[in-house]
Amino acid sequence: MKDDAVALAKDGMDKAIDRLKRELSRVRAGRANPALLDEIKVDSYGTLTPLKQVATVSVGDARLLVVKPYDRNTIAAIEKAINNSQLGLNPNNDGVVVRVPIPPLTEERRKQLVKQVKDSGEDARIAIRQARRDANEFLKEAEKDGGISEDDLKRGLEQIQKLTDAEIKSVDDTLTKKEQEIMEG
């Protein structure tokens, strides 16, 4: 029963960490990163389609993404979608590929990105604490119903708290690394 509660907490916390890492991979840190374009949807023959499904995105160099469409007829739609994405990118195409230069970040934009990263980190911490709360309630219910002893309840709560502390530290370390990456540019 105690192990079930710990597994429940671990699962919820892992999902929060994964979500945080996905969000952070989309934050532009001044370097070319294909994940930057993951959320872009392209109007392909009247249907909004994820960019990944209509083109390959690769890194040309440290400050350039190259988008190669599977179908050349979608090149204008890809360029338009990137322009309209609110990422501050200005793509250009040569009829074969779309080149997306990644401009250097201004100091003001860096500060906005750091704030965005901190907000994502706080969301992850909240999700981790919610997973802890759910697991603790599960344990307390089990103890109340006679499924586990009071000692097992105490050990389970301690184990879940240690797990929570470790996961929060992981979030903090990830945020620190991303903030440094953004500020270095």
Protein backbone atom coordinates (compact mmCIF):
# COMPACT_ATOMS: atom_id res chain seq x y z
CA MET A 1 0.00 0.00 0.00
CA LYS A 2 2.84 2.37 0.93
CA ASP A 3 4.66 1.44 -2.28
CA ASP A 4 1.52 2.21 -4.30
CA ALA A 5 1.38 5.69 -2.78
CA VAL A 6 5.07 6.31 -3.51
CA ALA A 7 4.58 5.07 -7.10
CA LEU A 8 1.57 7.39 -7.46
CA ALA A 9 3.62 10.35 -6.25
CA LYS A 10 6.60 9.45 -8.44
CA ASP A 11 4.40 9.15 -11.53
CA GLY A 12 2.77 12.54 -10.97
CA MET A 13 6.10 14.20 -10.26
CA ASP A 14 7.76 12.64 -13.32
CA LYS A 15 4.95 13.97 -15.51
CA ALA A 16 5.47 17.47 -14.06
CA ILE A 17 9.23 17.31 -14.76
CA ASP A 18 8.66 16.04 -18.32
CA ARG A 19 6.17 18.84 -19.00
CA LEU A 20 8.65 21.40 -17.65
CA LYS A 21 11.45 20.06 -19.87
CA ARG A 22 9.19 20.17 -22.93
CA GLU A 23 8.20 23.77 -22.15
CA LEU A 24 11.80 24.83 -21.58
CA SER A 25 12.97 23.22 -24.83
CA ARG A 26 10.64 25.62 -26.66
CA VAL A 27 12.09 28.71 -24.98
CA ARG A 28 14.47 30.41 -27.35
CA ALA A 29 17.89 30.84 -25.80
CA GLY A 30 19.59 32.52 -28.76
CA ARG A 31 20.70 29.21 -30.25
CA ALA A 32 19.02 27.31 -33.03
CA ASN A 33 16.90 24.49 -31.60
CA PRO A 34 14.36 22.55 -33.72
CA ALA A 35 12.05 22.22 -30.68
CA LEU A 36 11.48 25.97 -31.00
CA LEU A 37 9.12 25.30 -33.93
CA ASP A 38 7.29 22.31 -32.36
CA GLU A 39 4.07 24.19 -31.62
CA ILE A 40 3.73 25.75 -35.07
CA LYS A 41 0.74 24.64 -37.13
CA VAL A 42 0.80 25.01 -40.92
CA ASP A 43 -2.27 25.47 -43.11
CA SER A 44 -1.66 22.52 -45.39
CA TYR A 45 -4.43 22.08 -47.97
CA GLY A 46 -7.02 23.64 -45.68
CA THR A 47 -6.02 21.68 -42.56
CA LEU A 48 -3.92 22.99 -39.67
CA THR A 49 -1.11 20.45 -39.45
CA PRO A 50 1.89 20.40 -37.07
CA LEU A 51 5.05 21.59 -38.81
CA LYS A 52 6.77 18.26 -38.03
CA GLN A 53 4.24 16.48 -40.25
CA VAL A 54 4.82 18.64 -43.32
CA ALA A 55 8.57 19.25 -43.10
CA THR A 56 11.85 18.30 -41.46
CA VAL A 57 13.47 20.87 -39.20
CA SER A 58 17.23 20.78 -38.81
CA VAL A 59 19.96 23.04 -37.43
CA GLY A 60 21.97 24.76 -40.16
CA ASP A 61 24.41 26.32 -37.71
CA ALA A 62 24.27 27.89 -34.23
CA ARG A 63 21.90 30.64 -35.39
CA LEU A 64 19.98 29.05 -38.27
CA LEU A 65 17.15 26.53 -38.57
CA VAL A 66 16.47 24.91 -41.93
CA VAL A 67 12.92 23.73 -42.67
CA LYS A 68 12.67 21.36 -45.64
CA PRO A 69 9.06 20.68 -46.68
CA TYR A 70 8.03 17.24 -47.91
CA ASP A 71 5.88 18.99 -50.52
CA ARG A 72 7.19 22.17 -52.15
CA ASN A 73 3.64 23.50 -52.50
CA THR A 74 3.52 24.06 -48.73
CA ILE A 75 6.64 26.27 -48.59
CA ALA A 76 4.67 29.57 -48.58
CA ALA A 77 2.29 28.26 -45.89
CA ILE A 78 5.25 27.17 -43.73
CA GLU A 79 6.88 30.58 -44.07
CA LYS A 80 3.59 32.32 -43.21
CA ALA A 81 3.01 30.07 -40.16
CA ILE A 82 6.49 30.82 -38.79
CA ASN A 83 5.98 34.56 -39.40
CA ASN A 84 2.66 34.48 -37.54
CA SER A 85 3.99 32.39 -34.64
CA GLN A 86 4.84 35.29 -32.28
CA LEU A 87 8.36 33.92 -31.87
CA GLY A 88 9.93 37.03 -33.41
CA LEU A 89 11.47 35.04 -36.27
CA ASN A 90 11.76 36.20 -39.89
CA PRO A 91 11.94 33.17 -42.18
CA ASN A 92 12.91 33.36 -45.83
CA ASN A 93 12.64 30.75 -48.54
CA ASP A 94 14.56 29.98 -51.71
CA GLY A 95 11.85 27.80 -53.27
CA VAL A 96 13.35 24.62 -51.82
CA VAL A 97 13.82 25.23 -48.08
CA VAL A 98 12.82 27.83 -45.51
CA ARG A 99 15.72 29.31 -43.62
CA VAL A 100 14.94 30.70 -40.17
CA PRO A 101 17.74 32.88 -38.80
CA ILE A 102 17.71 33.07 -35.00
CA PRO A 103 18.44 36.69 -34.06
CA PRO A 104 20.47 37.45 -30.95
CA LEU A 105 18.31 38.22 -27.94
CA THR A 106 18.02 41.73 -26.53
CA GLU A 107 18.55 42.22 -22.80
CA GLU A 108 14.85 43.01 -22.36
CA ARG A 109 13.81 39.85 -24.23
CA ARG A 110 16.23 37.78 -22.13
CA LYS A 111 14.57 39.07 -18.95
CA GLN A 112 11.11 38.23 -20.34
CA LEU A 113 12.29 34.71 -21.17
CA VAL A 114 13.79 34.23 -17.69
CA LYS A 115 10.44 35.31 -16.19
CA GLN A 116 8.64 32.83 -18.47
CA VAL A 117 11.05 30.07 -17.40
CA LYS A 118 10.49 30.89 -13.71
CA ASP A 119 6.69 30.75 -14.24
CA SER A 120 7.04 27.32 -15.88
CA GLY A 121 9.18 26.19 -12.94
CA GLU A 122 6.57 27.37 -10.45
CA ASP A 123 3.89 25.45 -12.36
CA ALA A 124 6.06 22.33 -12.12
CA ARG A 125 6.57 22.83 -8.37
CA ILE A 126 2.81 23.19 -7.90
CA ALA A 127 2.20 19.97 -9.86
CA ILE A 128 4.82 18.15 -7.76
CA ARG A 129 3.24 19.33 -4.53
CA GLN A 130 -0.18 18.26 -5.83
CA ALA A 131 1.21 14.77 -6.55
CA ARG A 132 2.58 14.70 -2.98
CA ARG A 133 -0.79 15.75 -1.58
CA ASP A 134 -2.61 13.05 -3.59
CA ALA A 135 -0.19 10.34 -2.42
CA ASN A 136 -0.39 11.51 1.21
CA GLU A 137 -4.21 11.44 1.10
CA PHE A 138 -4.05 7.94 -0.39
CA LEU A 139 -1.85 6.81 2.52
CA LYS A 140 -4.02 8.48 5.16
CA GLU A 141 -7.14 6.84 3.73
CA ALA A 142 -5.38 3.45 3.73
CA GLU A 143 -4.40 3.92 7.40
CA LYS A 144 -7.93 5.02 8.32
CA ASP A 145 -9.39 1.95 6.58
CA GLY A 146 -6.91 -0.33 8.37
CA GLY A 147 -4.91 -1.15 5.22
CA ILE A 148 -1.62 -0.01 6.76
CA SER A 149 -0.29 0.62 10.24
CA GLU A 150 0.47 3.99 11.75
CA ASP A 151 4.21 3.26 11.45
CA ASP A 152 3.83 2.45 7.75
CA LEU A 153 1.88 5.69 7.31
CA LYS A 154 4.70 7.66 8.96
CA ARG A 155 7.39 5.92 6.86
CA GLY A 156 5.35 6.43 3.68
CA LEU A 157 4.84 10.13 4.36
CA GLU A 158 8.58 10.55 5.01
CA GLN A 159 9.46 8.68 1.83
CA ILE A 160 7.08 10.82 -0.22
CA GLN A 161 8.51 13.99 1.33
CA LYS A 162 12.07 12.91 0.43
CA LEU A 163 10.92 12.23 -3.13
CA THR A 164 9.21 15.64 -3.27
CA ASP A 165 12.36 17.41 -2.04
CA ALA A 166 14.49 15.61 -4.65
CA GLU A 167 12.08 16.47 -7.49
CA ILE A 168 11.84 20.15 -6.43
CA LYS A 169 15.66 20.29 -6.37
CA SER A 170 15.67 18.80 -9.88
CA VAL A 171 13.27 21.56 -11.04
CA ASP A 172 15.48 24.23 -9.43
CA ASP A 173 18.63 22.81 -11.07
CA THR A 174 16.92 22.66 -14.48
CA LEU A 175 15.70 26.25 -14.14
CA THR A 176 19.11 27.54 -13.10
CA LYS A 177 20.71 25.86 -16.10
CA LYS A 178 18.11 27.29 -18.51
CA GLU A 179 18.38 30.80 -17.02
CA GLN A 180 22.17 30.71 -17.48
CA GLU A 181 21.71 29.52 -21.06
CA ILE A 182 19.31 32.42 -21.78
CA MET A 183 21.49 35.07 -20.15
CA GLU A 184 24.66 33.85 -21.94
CA GLY A 185 22.84 33.70 -25.29
